[in-house]
Amino acid sequence: MRYKTGVPETLAVEISRLLPVIDYITSEVCGRTAIITSTTDGNHISGSLHYKGLAVDLRIIDLPDDVQTRYFFALNYALRKLCDVIHEPDHIHVEYSPSVY
């Protein structure tokens, strides 16, 4: 797991404990370590879970489209009960938002 230069490593425990899972999936699907490009920094929509340390953005711009798609589906499948995973044009957004059944 790597953080883009200048990105704070301060995250809530709920998402911090999922980082090893994210890194494992990244390694298996992408052949590299996960790169976090945003946590509590940057400009996000009002009320974003980024500001509470409950969301991360993952770098995908260096990946071919087919790998981006597999990466998104693998993350979404593995984290589906605990997180919302959103495939944005230049990153994958993962936020801790447990499903309630």
Protein backbone atom coordinates (compact mmCIF):
# COMPACT_ATOMS: atom_id res chain seq x y z
CA MET A 1 0.00 0.00 0.00
CA ARG A 2 1.35 3.39 -0.96
CA TYR A 3 0.03 6.89 -0.55
CA LYS A 4 0.46 9.55 -3.21
CA THR A 5 2.90 12.20 -1.99
CA GLY A 6 1.15 14.66 0.30
CA VAL A 7 -1.90 12.50 0.96
CA PRO A 8 -2.63 12.19 4.70
CA GLU A 9 -2.53 8.66 6.09
CA THR A 10 -5.09 9.47 8.77
CA LEU A 11 -8.13 7.24 8.33
CA ALA A 12 -10.90 5.94 10.54
CA VAL A 13 -10.33 2.46 11.92
CA GLU A 14 -13.33 1.10 9.98
CA ILE A 15 -11.65 1.64 6.62
CA SER A 16 -8.07 1.22 7.87
CA ARG A 17 -8.77 -2.41 8.69
CA LEU A 18 -9.84 -3.00 5.08
CA LEU A 19 -6.61 -1.68 3.54
CA PRO A 20 -4.87 -5.10 3.58
CA VAL A 21 -7.82 -6.57 1.65
CA ILE A 22 -7.69 -3.71 -0.86
CA ASP A 23 -3.93 -4.14 -1.26
CA TYR A 24 -4.26 -7.92 -1.75
CA ILE A 25 -6.92 -7.46 -4.44
CA THR A 26 -4.79 -4.80 -6.12
CA SER A 27 -1.81 -7.13 -6.19
CA GLU A 28 -3.82 -10.04 -7.58
CA VAL A 29 -5.69 -8.06 -10.25
CA CYS A 30 -3.27 -5.26 -11.13
CA GLY A 31 0.10 -6.81 -10.34
CA ARG A 32 1.14 -3.92 -8.11
CA THR A 33 0.48 -2.42 -4.71
CA ALA A 34 -2.55 -0.19 -4.15
CA ILE A 35 -1.94 3.55 -4.49
CA ILE A 36 -4.19 5.83 -2.43
CA THR A 37 -4.56 9.20 -4.14
CA SER A 38 -6.94 10.86 -1.66
CA THR A 39 -8.13 10.42 1.91
CA THR A 40 -9.21 13.42 4.01
CA ASP A 41 -7.54 15.87 1.63
CA GLY A 42 -8.76 17.47 -1.57
CA ASN A 43 -12.11 18.82 -2.66
CA HIS A 44 -15.05 16.46 -2.39
CA ILE A 45 -18.81 16.91 -2.38
CA SER A 46 -20.40 18.32 0.73
CA GLY A 47 -20.89 15.60 3.33
CA SER A 48 -18.32 13.32 1.69
CA LEU A 49 -17.06 10.49 3.88
CA HIS A 50 -13.54 11.52 2.85
CA TYR A 51 -13.72 14.31 5.43
CA LYS A 52 -14.51 11.77 8.17
CA GLY A 53 -11.63 9.50 7.16
CA LEU A 54 -14.05 6.87 5.89
CA ALA A 55 -13.19 6.97 2.17
CA VAL A 56 -10.19 6.51 -0.08
CA ASP A 57 -9.55 7.00 -3.77
CA LEU A 58 -7.39 4.45 -5.58
CA ARG A 59 -5.23 5.16 -8.63
CA ILE A 60 -6.34 3.52 -11.87
CA ILE A 61 -5.21 5.98 -14.55
CA ASP A 62 -2.10 3.88 -15.19
CA LEU A 63 -4.13 0.71 -15.80
CA PRO A 64 -5.61 -0.56 -19.08
CA ASP A 65 -9.41 -0.34 -19.30
CA ASP A 66 -9.92 -4.10 -18.95
CA VAL A 67 -7.80 -4.20 -15.78
CA GLN A 68 -9.67 -1.20 -14.36
CA THR A 69 -12.94 -3.05 -14.91
CA ARG A 70 -11.70 -6.28 -13.29
CA TYR A 71 -10.25 -4.28 -10.38
CA PHE A 72 -13.56 -2.48 -9.81
CA PHE A 73 -15.58 -5.72 -9.88
CA ALA A 74 -13.12 -7.54 -7.59
CA LEU A 75 -13.18 -4.70 -5.03
CA ASN A 76 -16.94 -4.37 -5.26
CA TYR A 77 -17.45 -8.10 -4.74
CA ALA A 78 -15.05 -8.37 -1.79
CA LEU A 79 -16.22 -5.21 -0.01
CA ARG A 80 -19.89 -5.13 -1.01
CA LYS A 81 -21.32 -5.58 2.51
CA LEU A 82 -19.07 -2.95 4.10
CA CYS A 83 -18.32 -0.40 1.39
CA ASP A 84 -19.67 1.43 -1.60
CA VAL A 85 -17.22 1.08 -4.49
CA ILE A 86 -17.58 3.57 -7.35
CA HIS A 87 -15.66 3.46 -10.62
CA GLU A 88 -14.91 7.10 -11.45
CA PRO A 89 -13.17 8.11 -14.71
CA ASP A 90 -9.73 8.53 -13.08
CA HIS A 91 -9.95 6.59 -9.80
CA ILE A 92 -11.92 4.05 -7.82
CA HIS A 93 -13.68 5.51 -4.81
CA VAL A 94 -14.15 3.22 -1.79
CA GLU A 95 -16.19 4.41 1.19
CA TYR A 96 -17.12 2.61 4.35
CA SER A 97 -20.89 2.36 4.32
CA PRO A 98 -22.10 -0.96 5.73
CA SER A 99 -25.22 -2.48 4.23
CA VAL A 100 -28.15 -2.89 6.55
CA TYR A 101 -30.34 -5.92 5.93
